[in-house]
Protein backbone atom coordinates (compact mmCIF):
# COMPACT_ATOMS: atom_id res chain seq x y z
CA UNK A 1 -31.80 -2.20 -39.19
CA UNK A 2 -31.86 -5.99 -38.92
CA UNK A 3 -29.97 -7.96 -36.29
CA UNK A 4 -27.36 -9.27 -38.70
CA UNK A 5 -24.95 -12.09 -37.85
CA UNK A 6 -21.38 -11.00 -37.37
CA UNK A 7 -18.82 -12.09 -39.95
CA UNK A 8 -17.48 -14.69 -37.53
CA UNK A 9 -20.88 -16.08 -36.55
CA UNK A 10 -21.92 -16.34 -40.19
CA UNK A 11 -18.69 -18.14 -41.01
CA UNK A 12 -19.70 -21.03 -38.75
CA UNK A 13 -22.84 -21.50 -40.80
CA UNK A 14 -20.85 -21.48 -44.04
CA UNK A 15 -18.16 -23.82 -42.67
CA UNK A 16 -20.58 -26.47 -41.45
CA UNK A 17 -20.77 -29.64 -43.50
CA UNK A 18 -21.66 -33.30 -43.00
CA UNK A 19 -18.44 -34.14 -41.17
CA UNK A 20 -18.12 -30.99 -39.05
CA UNK A 21 -21.38 -29.95 -37.35
CA UNK A 22 -20.67 -26.62 -35.72
CA UNK A 23 -22.27 -27.01 -32.31
CA UNK A 24 -20.77 -27.07 -28.85
CA UNK A 25 -22.13 -29.24 -26.08
CA UNK A 26 -22.05 -30.18 -22.47
CA UNK A 27 -23.00 -33.17 -20.34
CA UNK A 28 -24.16 -32.40 -16.81
CA UNK A 29 -24.98 -35.24 -14.42
CA UNK A 30 -27.40 -34.59 -11.55
CA UNK A 31 -28.43 -36.41 -8.41
CA UNK A 32 -32.20 -36.73 -8.42
CA UNK A 33 -33.77 -35.03 -5.40
CA UNK A 34 -36.59 -36.62 -3.44
CA UNK A 35 -38.95 -34.15 -5.07
CA UNK A 36 -37.95 -35.52 -8.48
CA UNK A 37 -36.39 -34.01 -11.57
CA UNK A 38 -38.38 -34.86 -14.66
CA UNK A 39 -39.02 -33.57 -18.16
CA UNK A 40 -41.89 -31.28 -17.18
CA UNK A 41 -39.78 -29.57 -14.50
CA UNK A 42 -36.94 -29.02 -16.95
CA UNK A 43 -39.27 -27.53 -19.57
CA UNK A 44 -40.79 -25.23 -16.95
CA UNK A 45 -37.35 -24.13 -15.76
CA UNK A 46 -36.15 -23.34 -19.29
CA UNK A 47 -39.34 -21.43 -20.10
CA UNK A 48 -38.74 -19.30 -17.02
CA UNK A 49 -35.14 -18.52 -18.02
CA UNK A 50 -35.48 -18.01 -21.78
CA UNK A 51 -35.85 -14.27 -21.36
CA UNK A 52 -32.23 -14.26 -20.15
CA UNK A 53 -31.09 -15.69 -23.50
CA UNK A 54 -33.37 -14.06 -26.12
CA UNK A 55 -31.27 -15.48 -28.96
CA UNK A 56 -32.70 -18.91 -28.12
CA UNK A 57 -36.10 -17.88 -29.52
CA UNK A 58 -34.58 -16.63 -32.77
CA UNK A 59 -33.69 -18.39 -36.01
CA UNK A 60 -31.40 -17.57 -38.91
CA UNK A 61 -32.93 -16.14 -42.09
CA UNK A 62 -30.83 -15.77 -45.23
CA UNK A 63 -31.05 -12.68 -47.40
CA UNK A 64 -32.39 -13.36 -50.92
CA UNK A 65 -29.52 -13.52 -53.38
CA UNK A 66 -27.09 -13.71 -50.45
CA UNK A 67 -26.53 -9.97 -50.79
CA UNK A 68 -25.63 -9.72 -47.12
CA UNK A 69 -24.97 -11.92 -44.14
CA UNK A 70 -28.01 -13.68 -42.62
CA UNK A 71 -30.10 -12.05 -39.90
CA UNK A 72 -31.58 -13.17 -36.61
CA UNK A 73 -35.38 -13.02 -36.47
CA UNK A 74 -37.88 -14.14 -33.84
CA UNK A 75 -39.32 -17.56 -34.60
CA UNK A 76 -43.12 -17.06 -34.76
CA UNK A 77 -43.61 -20.83 -34.40
CA UNK A 78 -41.22 -21.23 -31.48
CA UNK A 79 -42.00 -24.42 -29.54
CA UNK A 80 -39.91 -25.07 -26.45
CA UNK A 81 -40.88 -28.73 -26.43
CA UNK A 82 -39.21 -29.18 -29.83
CA UNK A 83 -35.91 -28.02 -28.37
CA UNK A 84 -36.19 -29.70 -24.95
CA UNK A 85 -36.26 -33.42 -25.56
CA UNK A 86 -36.47 -36.58 -23.51
CA UNK A 87 -34.32 -39.70 -23.72
CA UNK A 88 -34.01 -42.74 -21.51
CA UNK A 89 -31.45 -45.46 -21.03
CA UNK A 90 -32.48 -49.03 -20.22
CA UNK A 91 -32.31 -49.26 -16.43
CA UNK A 92 -29.86 -49.37 -14.82
CA UNK A 93 -28.22 -47.12 -17.38
CA UNK A 94 -24.42 -47.20 -17.38
CA UNK A 95 -21.95 -44.39 -18.02
CA UNK A 96 -20.87 -46.17 -21.19
CA UNK A 97 -24.45 -46.10 -22.51
CA UNK A 98 -24.68 -42.40 -21.66
CA UNK A 99 -21.44 -41.68 -23.52
CA UNK A 100 -22.69 -43.57 -26.59
CA UNK A 101 -25.89 -41.50 -26.53
CA UNK A 102 -23.83 -38.30 -26.28
CA UNK A 103 -21.74 -39.38 -29.28
CA UNK A 104 -24.83 -40.06 -31.39
CA UNK A 105 -26.52 -36.80 -30.45
CA UNK A 106 -23.40 -34.75 -31.12
CA UNK A 107 -23.04 -36.38 -34.55
CA UNK A 108 -26.35 -34.91 -35.74
CA UNK A 109 -26.35 -31.34 -37.07
CA UNK A 110 -28.91 -28.89 -35.78
CA UNK A 111 -31.88 -27.88 -37.94
CA UNK A 112 -30.95 -24.48 -39.40
CA UNK A 113 -34.60 -23.61 -40.06
CA UNK A 114 -35.23 -23.38 -36.29
CA UNK A 115 -33.46 -21.79 -33.32
CA UNK A 116 -30.09 -23.51 -33.18
CA UNK A 117 -30.14 -25.41 -29.90
CA UNK A 118 -31.36 -28.59 -28.22
CA UNK A 119 -31.41 -29.95 -24.68
CA UNK A 120 -31.94 -33.59 -23.76
CA UNK A 121 -33.05 -34.89 -20.39
CA UNK A 122 -31.65 -38.41 -20.02
CA UNK A 123 -33.42 -40.64 -17.51
CA UNK A 124 -32.64 -44.16 -16.37
CA UNK A 125 -29.04 -43.63 -15.22
CA UNK A 126 -27.90 -45.93 -12.43
CA UNK A 127 -27.39 -44.66 -8.86
CA UNK A 128 -30.35 -42.27 -8.89
CA UNK A 129 -28.81 -39.95 -11.48
CA UNK A 130 -30.18 -37.89 -14.37
CA UNK A 131 -28.16 -36.28 -17.17
CA UNK A 132 -28.76 -33.12 -19.19
CA UNK A 133 -27.08 -32.88 -22.60
CA UNK A 134 -26.91 -29.49 -24.32
CA UNK A 135 -26.21 -28.64 -27.97
CA UNK A 136 -25.81 -25.04 -29.13
CA UNK A 137 -24.60 -23.84 -32.51
CA UNK A 138 -21.38 -21.87 -32.43
CA UNK A 139 -23.06 -19.07 -34.36
CA UNK A 140 -25.17 -18.39 -31.26
CA UNK A 141 -22.61 -18.43 -28.46
CA UNK A 142 -20.22 -15.50 -28.18
CA UNK A 143 -19.55 -16.07 -24.50
CA UNK A 144 -20.32 -12.48 -23.55
CA UNK A 145 -23.68 -11.20 -24.69
CA UNK A 146 -25.00 -14.63 -25.68
CA UNK A 147 -24.04 -17.35 -23.18
CA UNK A 148 -24.70 -21.05 -23.58
CA UNK A 149 -28.11 -21.95 -22.17
CA UNK A 150 -26.69 -24.43 -19.68
CA UNK A 151 -25.37 -21.47 -17.71
CA UNK A 152 -28.72 -19.83 -17.02
CA UNK A 153 -30.59 -22.92 -15.80
CA UNK A 154 -28.22 -23.39 -12.84
CA UNK A 155 -28.61 -21.96 -9.33
CA UNK A 156 -26.25 -21.79 -6.37
CA UNK A 157 -28.98 -23.15 -4.10
CA UNK A 158 -31.37 -26.08 -4.15
CA UNK A 159 -34.12 -23.47 -4.09
CA UNK A 160 -34.45 -22.03 -7.62
CA UNK A 161 -34.36 -18.30 -8.20
CA UNK A 162 -37.68 -16.55 -8.53
CA UNK A 163 -39.08 -16.88 -12.08
CA UNK A 164 -38.38 -14.02 -14.44
CA UNK A 165 -41.75 -12.59 -15.39
CA UNK A 166 -41.63 -11.81 -19.08
CA UNK A 167 -44.34 -12.05 -21.71
CA UNK A 168 -42.71 -12.84 -25.04
CA UNK A 169 -44.33 -11.83 -28.29
CA UNK A 170 -42.37 -12.46 -31.51
CA UNK A 171 -41.53 -9.41 -33.55
CA UNK A 172 -42.82 -9.49 -37.12
CA UNK A 173 -40.37 -11.15 -39.46
CA UNK A 174 -38.98 -8.93 -42.22
CA UNK A 175 -40.14 -9.70 -45.72
CA UNK A 176 -37.74 -10.78 -48.43
CA UNK A 177 -38.10 -7.36 -50.03
CA UNK A 178 -37.23 -5.65 -46.76
CA UNK A 179 -34.17 -7.85 -46.29
CA UNK A 180 -32.97 -6.95 -49.78
CA UNK A 181 -33.62 -3.24 -49.17
CA UNK A 182 -31.65 -3.34 -45.93
CA UNK A 183 -28.81 -5.17 -47.66
CA UNK A 184 -28.71 -2.58 -50.43
CA UNK A 185 -28.70 0.26 -47.89
CA UNK A 186 -25.78 -1.31 -46.07
CA UNK A 187 -23.99 -1.93 -49.37
CA UNK A 188 -24.19 1.77 -50.20
CA UNK A 189 -22.52 2.54 -46.87
CA UNK A 190 -19.98 -0.33 -47.13
CA UNK A 191 -19.67 -1.37 -50.79
CA UNK A 192 -16.74 -3.72 -50.17
CA UNK A 193 -18.98 -6.06 -48.16
CA UNK A 194 -21.07 -6.99 -51.19
CA UNK A 195 -18.17 -8.82 -52.81
CA UNK A 196 -17.26 -10.49 -49.54
CA UNK A 197 -20.83 -11.58 -48.85
CA UNK A 198 -21.15 -13.13 -52.29
CA UNK A 199 -17.91 -15.01 -51.77
CA UNK A 200 -19.08 -16.27 -48.38
CA UNK A 201 -22.44 -17.29 -49.79
CA UNK A 202 -20.61 -19.47 -52.29
CA UNK A 203 -19.26 -21.32 -49.26
CA UNK A 204 -15.70 -20.34 -49.99
CA UNK A 205 -14.68 -21.46 -46.54
CA UNK A 206 -11.02 -20.56 -46.84
CA UNK A 207 -11.88 -17.02 -47.88
CA UNK A 208 -14.43 -16.78 -45.09
CA UNK A 209 -12.02 -17.78 -42.35
CA UNK A 210 -9.28 -15.55 -43.74
CA UNK A 211 -11.72 -12.68 -43.79
CA UNK A 212 -12.65 -13.33 -40.18
CA UNK A 213 -9.04 -13.59 -39.08
CA UNK A 214 -8.19 -10.39 -40.92
CA UNK A 215 -10.95 -8.39 -39.29
CA UNK A 216 -9.40 -8.45 -35.85
CA UNK A 217 -5.95 -7.61 -34.62
CA UNK A 218 -3.95 -9.10 -31.80
CA UNK A 219 -3.19 -12.45 -33.44
CA UNK A 220 0.57 -12.23 -33.07
CA UNK A 221 0.85 -15.58 -31.32
CA UNK A 222 -1.18 -17.36 -34.01
CA UNK A 223 0.79 -15.73 -36.81
CA UNK A 224 4.11 -16.79 -35.35
CA UNK A 225 2.92 -20.33 -34.82
CA UNK A 226 1.63 -20.53 -38.39
CA UNK A 227 5.19 -20.07 -39.58
CA UNK A 228 6.05 -23.43 -38.02
CA UNK A 229 3.62 -26.17 -39.09
CA UNK A 230 2.39 -28.59 -36.46
CA UNK A 231 4.15 -31.98 -36.40
CA UNK A 232 2.58 -34.93 -38.15
CA UNK A 233 0.10 -36.82 -36.01
CA UNK A 234 -2.45 -39.65 -36.26
CA UNK A 235 -4.92 -37.09 -34.87
CA UNK A 236 -4.90 -35.13 -38.13
CA UNK A 237 -6.82 -37.29 -40.60
CA UNK A 238 -9.92 -37.08 -42.72
CA UNK A 239 -12.86 -37.49 -40.35
CA UNK A 240 -16.32 -39.02 -40.65
CA UNK A 241 -19.70 -37.58 -39.60
CA UNK A 242 -19.87 -39.85 -36.54
CA UNK A 243 -18.38 -39.35 -33.08
CA UNK A 244 -17.24 -41.17 -29.97
CA UNK A 245 -17.24 -39.66 -26.49
CA UNK A 246 -15.31 -40.63 -23.37
CA UNK A 247 -14.57 -38.99 -20.03
CA UNK A 248 -11.92 -38.92 -17.33
CA UNK A 249 -12.44 -37.87 -13.71
CA UNK A 250 -9.71 -36.40 -11.52
CA UNK A 251 -9.53 -34.23 -8.40
CA UNK A 252 -8.49 -30.61 -8.18
CA UNK A 253 -6.57 -31.31 -4.96
CA UNK A 254 -4.29 -33.64 -6.96
CA UNK A 255 -3.31 -30.87 -9.37
CA UNK A 256 -2.82 -28.46 -6.48
CA UNK A 257 -0.51 -30.96 -4.78
CA UNK A 258 1.48 -31.33 -8.01
CA UNK A 259 1.76 -27.55 -8.25
CA UNK A 260 2.83 -27.26 -4.61
CA UNK A 261 5.69 -29.77 -5.00
CA UNK A 262 6.85 -29.14 -8.58
CA UNK A 263 5.78 -25.55 -9.22
CA UNK A 264 3.96 -24.25 -12.28
CA UNK A 265 0.20 -23.84 -12.43
CA UNK A 266 -2.82 -26.12 -12.40
CA UNK A 267 -3.08 -25.52 -16.16
CA UNK A 268 0.52 -26.70 -16.57
CA UNK A 269 -0.37 -29.84 -14.65
CA UNK A 270 -3.36 -30.52 -16.90
CA UNK A 271 -1.25 -30.18 -20.05
CA UNK A 272 1.52 -32.34 -18.58
CA UNK A 273 -1.02 -35.03 -17.70
CA UNK A 274 -2.39 -34.95 -21.23
CA UNK A 275 1.16 -35.16 -22.59
CA UNK A 276 1.70 -38.36 -20.63
CA UNK A 277 -1.66 -39.79 -21.71
CA UNK A 278 -1.02 -39.01 -25.37
CA UNK A 279 2.44 -40.54 -25.12
CA UNK A 280 1.06 -43.82 -23.76
CA UNK A 281 -1.74 -43.76 -26.33
CA UNK A 282 0.75 -43.42 -29.19
CA UNK A 283 2.82 -46.27 -27.80
CA UNK A 284 -0.29 -48.46 -27.41
CA UNK A 285 -0.92 -47.95 -31.12
CA UNK A 286 2.62 -48.92 -32.08
CA UNK A 287 3.49 -45.40 -33.23
CA UNK A 288 7.14 -44.36 -33.33
CA UNK A 289 7.85 -42.14 -30.34
CA UNK A 290 11.33 -40.64 -30.00
CA UNK A 291 12.76 -38.27 -27.40
CA UNK A 292 11.91 -35.33 -29.65
CA UNK A 293 8.32 -36.30 -30.49
CA UNK A 294 5.80 -33.56 -29.79
CA UNK A 295 2.13 -32.82 -30.37
CA UNK A 296 0.95 -29.24 -30.69
CA UNK A 297 -2.07 -28.23 -28.64
CA UNK A 298 -4.13 -25.13 -29.17
CA UNK A 299 -4.86 -24.39 -25.55
CA UNK A 300 -7.06 -21.37 -24.85
CA UNK A 301 -7.19 -20.92 -21.09
CA UNK A 302 -9.12 -18.57 -18.88
CA UNK A 303 -7.37 -16.25 -16.46
CA UNK A 304 -9.25 -15.14 -13.38
CA UNK A 305 -8.74 -11.42 -13.15
CA UNK A 306 -10.81 -8.25 -13.19
CA UNK A 307 -11.02 -8.25 -16.99
CA UNK A 308 -12.01 -11.94 -17.28
CA UNK A 309 -9.24 -12.39 -19.83
CA UNK A 310 -8.69 -15.56 -21.80
CA UNK A 311 -5.16 -16.43 -22.87
CA UNK A 312 -4.60 -18.48 -26.04
CA UNK A 313 -1.47 -20.55 -26.35
CA UNK A 314 -0.03 -22.97 -28.87
CA UNK A 315 2.00 -25.47 -26.87
CA UNK A 316 4.17 -28.30 -28.14
CA UNK A 317 3.39 -31.13 -25.73
CA UNK A 318 6.53 -33.20 -24.94
CA UNK A 319 5.01 -36.62 -25.59
CA UNK A 320 8.47 -38.07 -26.32
CA UNK A 321 9.70 -37.41 -22.77
CA UNK A 322 9.36 -40.51 -20.54
CA UNK A 323 9.79 -38.70 -17.19
CA UNK A 324 6.52 -37.14 -15.92
CA UNK A 325 8.28 -34.42 -13.89
CA UNK A 326 10.45 -33.40 -16.83
CA UNK A 327 7.30 -33.26 -19.00
CA UNK A 328 5.73 -30.92 -16.46
CA UNK A 329 8.82 -28.68 -16.41
CA UNK A 330 8.83 -28.56 -20.23
CA UNK A 331 5.19 -27.48 -20.28
CA UNK A 332 5.67 -24.92 -17.50
CA UNK A 333 8.67 -23.44 -19.32
CA UNK A 334 6.72 -23.21 -22.59
CA UNK A 335 3.75 -21.55 -20.93
CA UNK A 336 5.96 -19.12 -19.03
CA UNK A 337 7.79 -18.22 -22.25
CA UNK A 338 4.48 -17.45 -23.93
CA UNK A 339 3.41 -15.15 -21.14
CA UNK A 340 6.75 -13.35 -20.90
CA UNK A 341 6.95 -12.81 -24.66
CA UNK A 342 3.57 -11.13 -24.75
CA UNK A 343 2.03 -13.79 -27.00
CA UNK A 344 -1.12 -14.10 -24.94
CA UNK A 345 -4.27 -12.96 -26.72
CA UNK A 346 -6.82 -10.76 -25.00
CA UNK A 347 -10.28 -12.13 -24.33
CA UNK A 348 -12.09 -10.20 -27.06
CA UNK A 349 -9.56 -11.22 -29.70
CA UNK A 350 -9.67 -14.86 -28.67
CA UNK A 351 -13.45 -14.99 -28.73
CA UNK A 352 -13.40 -13.77 -32.31
CA UNK A 353 -10.48 -15.85 -33.55
CA UNK A 354 -10.77 -19.24 -31.90
CA UNK A 355 -14.31 -18.74 -30.72
CA UNK A 356 -13.58 -19.36 -27.07
CA UNK A 357 -15.91 -17.60 -24.71
CA UNK A 358 -14.70 -16.65 -21.25
CA UNK A 359 -15.62 -19.22 -18.60
CA UNK A 360 -19.25 -19.33 -17.60
CA UNK A 361 -20.46 -21.20 -14.55
CA UNK A 362 -20.00 -24.58 -16.15
CA UNK A 363 -20.18 -24.20 -19.88
CA UNK A 364 -17.47 -23.71 -22.42
CA UNK A 365 -17.86 -22.16 -25.83
CA UNK A 366 -15.42 -23.59 -28.30
CA UNK A 367 -15.30 -22.30 -31.86
CA UNK A 368 -12.21 -23.48 -33.70
CA UNK A 369 -10.98 -21.99 -36.97
CA UNK A 370 -11.48 -25.10 -39.06
CA UNK A 371 -9.32 -24.52 -42.09
CA UNK A 372 -6.28 -23.77 -39.93
CA UNK A 373 -6.40 -26.92 -37.83
CA UNK A 374 -4.07 -29.16 -39.85
CA UNK A 375 -1.41 -26.47 -40.18
CA UNK A 376 -1.43 -24.91 -36.72
CA UNK A 377 -2.17 -27.63 -34.20
CA UNK A 378 -2.88 -31.31 -33.68
CA UNK A 379 -5.46 -31.12 -30.90
CA UNK A 380 -7.60 -28.53 -29.14
CA UNK A 381 -7.39 -28.58 -25.35
CA UNK A 382 -9.71 -26.22 -23.50
CA UNK A 383 -9.34 -25.78 -19.75
CA UNK A 384 -11.96 -23.63 -18.07
CA UNK A 385 -12.17 -23.30 -14.27
CA UNK A 386 -15.68 -23.57 -12.92
CA UNK A 387 -17.20 -22.81 -9.52
CA UNK A 388 -15.99 -24.79 -6.53
CA UNK A 389 -19.42 -24.84 -4.91
CA UNK A 390 -22.39 -27.09 -5.76
CA UNK A 391 -24.83 -25.91 -8.43
CA UNK A 392 -28.45 -26.99 -8.89
CA UNK A 393 -31.12 -27.18 -11.60
CA UNK A 394 -34.73 -27.32 -10.42
CA UNK A 395 -33.47 -28.51 -7.03
CA UNK A 396 -31.30 -31.29 -8.46
CA UNK A 397 -27.62 -31.09 -7.50
CA UNK A 398 -25.12 -31.20 -10.35
CA UNK A 399 -22.41 -33.72 -9.48
CA UNK A 400 -20.36 -33.77 -12.71
CA UNK A 401 -19.94 -31.61 -15.80
CA UNK A 402 -18.12 -32.56 -19.02
CA UNK A 403 -17.56 -30.18 -21.97
CA UNK A 404 -18.02 -31.46 -25.53
CA UNK A 405 -15.74 -29.50 -27.86
CA UNK A 406 -16.50 -29.88 -31.60
CA UNK A 407 -14.06 -31.22 -34.15
CA UNK A 408 -12.70 -29.21 -37.04
CA UNK A 409 -11.80 -30.64 -40.42
CA UNK A 410 -8.96 -33.17 -40.28
CA UNK A 411 -9.05 -33.07 -36.50
CA UNK A 412 -9.89 -36.40 -34.83
CA UNK A 413 -9.85 -35.29 -31.19
CA UNK A 414 -10.86 -32.34 -29.04
CA UNK A 415 -10.46 -32.33 -25.27
CA UNK A 416 -12.51 -30.14 -22.96
CA UNK A 417 -11.54 -29.78 -19.31
CA UNK A 418 -13.48 -28.05 -16.57
CA UNK A 419 -13.12 -27.96 -12.81
CA UNK A 420 -16.21 -28.02 -10.64
CA UNK A 421 -16.84 -28.51 -6.91
CA UNK A 422 -13.48 -30.14 -6.24
CA UNK A 423 -13.35 -32.28 -9.38
CA UNK A 424 -11.56 -31.85 -12.71
CA UNK A 425 -13.57 -33.37 -15.55
CA UNK A 426 -12.23 -34.23 -19.00
CA UNK A 427 -14.57 -34.66 -21.98
CA UNK A 428 -12.97 -36.32 -25.02
CA UNK A 429 -14.86 -35.83 -28.29
CA UNK A 430 -13.42 -37.96 -31.10
CA UNK A 431 -14.04 -39.15 -34.62
CA UNK A 432 -15.67 -42.58 -34.58
CA UNK A 433 -13.52 -44.10 -37.31
CA UNK A 434 -10.17 -42.55 -36.46
CA UNK A 435 -10.35 -43.09 -32.69
CA UNK A 436 -12.09 -46.32 -31.84
CA UNK A 437 -9.85 -46.39 -28.75
CA UNK A 438 -10.79 -42.98 -27.28
CA UNK A 439 -11.91 -44.72 -24.09
CA UNK A 440 -8.35 -46.10 -23.79
CA UNK A 441 -6.97 -42.57 -24.00
CA UNK A 442 -9.46 -41.41 -21.36
CA UNK A 443 -8.27 -44.13 -18.97
CA UNK A 444 -4.68 -43.09 -19.66
CA UNK A 445 -5.52 -39.54 -18.54
CA UNK A 446 -6.40 -40.87 -15.09
CA UNK A 447 -3.28 -43.08 -15.10
CA UNK A 448 -1.14 -40.08 -16.03
CA UNK A 449 -2.44 -38.19 -13.00
CA UNK A 450 -1.55 -41.15 -10.80
CA UNK A 451 1.95 -41.19 -12.32
CA UNK A 452 2.53 -37.54 -11.46
CA UNK A 453 1.01 -37.97 -8.00
CA UNK A 454 3.51 -40.76 -7.42
CA UNK A 455 6.29 -38.17 -7.69
CA UNK A 456 4.53 -35.97 -5.15
CA UNK A 457 4.31 -38.60 -2.43
CA UNK A 458 7.68 -40.17 -3.19
């Protein structure tokens, strides 16, 4: 039988349109070693590791007549140099120029006639740095069996792992007749899917997402939240095809100090910091902010335990509260209430509903249910702990890592957070028209950390 896309994975193909390309991304910044880190070395490294992610040599093929969901087939014309690309900034390249390049690359949808991923090596950065930008379609990344490719190119030592010896030969692609025959055979076994597949093929996105949500249980938290619509927000507007990208850099020790003095968790601290930043951003725009003003965040968070669980929470951020410590206590209370009420969602359920993969070494999968965004939440905030030891690619040490979380319809901002080697890195992906001041918000994140730290040392 063919390797057919799951209902959820197929839905991301159907939901994609000009304003909502359905790929996740990451920006990793490396210090160039004396031995160099160039395009040829990156291509060689990826070729050596592709056997660890076989999906990256496969493309999507649709069934004639859309009688069934699409299938994955080996790409007989696979060309690694098409997917691994080279860019350069005018020396000395600034962080601002890098962020503008990220925004432009993330605005472009992937070519659905080829394997759905791209990697860019960006040269010319100031201070002897090189960046690697990854783009992977959400249909490919399930976080468990199919990780994001950025994970497999990293090593815990400056000496790369031994190459994986694997001769790849593409399997013959099924003919159109064979695809139809397989679809008919499956329809005989599961006749109800024929109607659903036809509806999905017509790009009935609402029906597709509802179908996906209905296939899996455990969505008690989401169902309860849906009963209370998210508050109005300037973040929920019609978006354009173009993006802006900005970053904030903080230290993990700062969040640990905040936790030590005020209690709660590091995750609580991150959400409280974002509450303060969003408050100041609203005020800078002249928005009305009262004591009761809130913004609802969909905040899937990883939990380090034996089951590698991921907990999904909908949290009303207290952006109307002027006191940073009170904001932190509000967030901690809300998170604790979620946990005690059993509203956390197990990892497998979360992966299927919101598309969040468990944490990998430095990559975050983020697949948001687009048609629910306006009703359920104002902003997605992902917080994934990464390793607290240096990682390397082809001998080059990774010094920073920023997630790029995609936008859903009517959602002008997504915030990805990951900790790595003592740092906590925020990646802010925003609509170009709706958030021309995303860099202002990023600066306010760092200011909000300083505000909370002031209460620690006081």
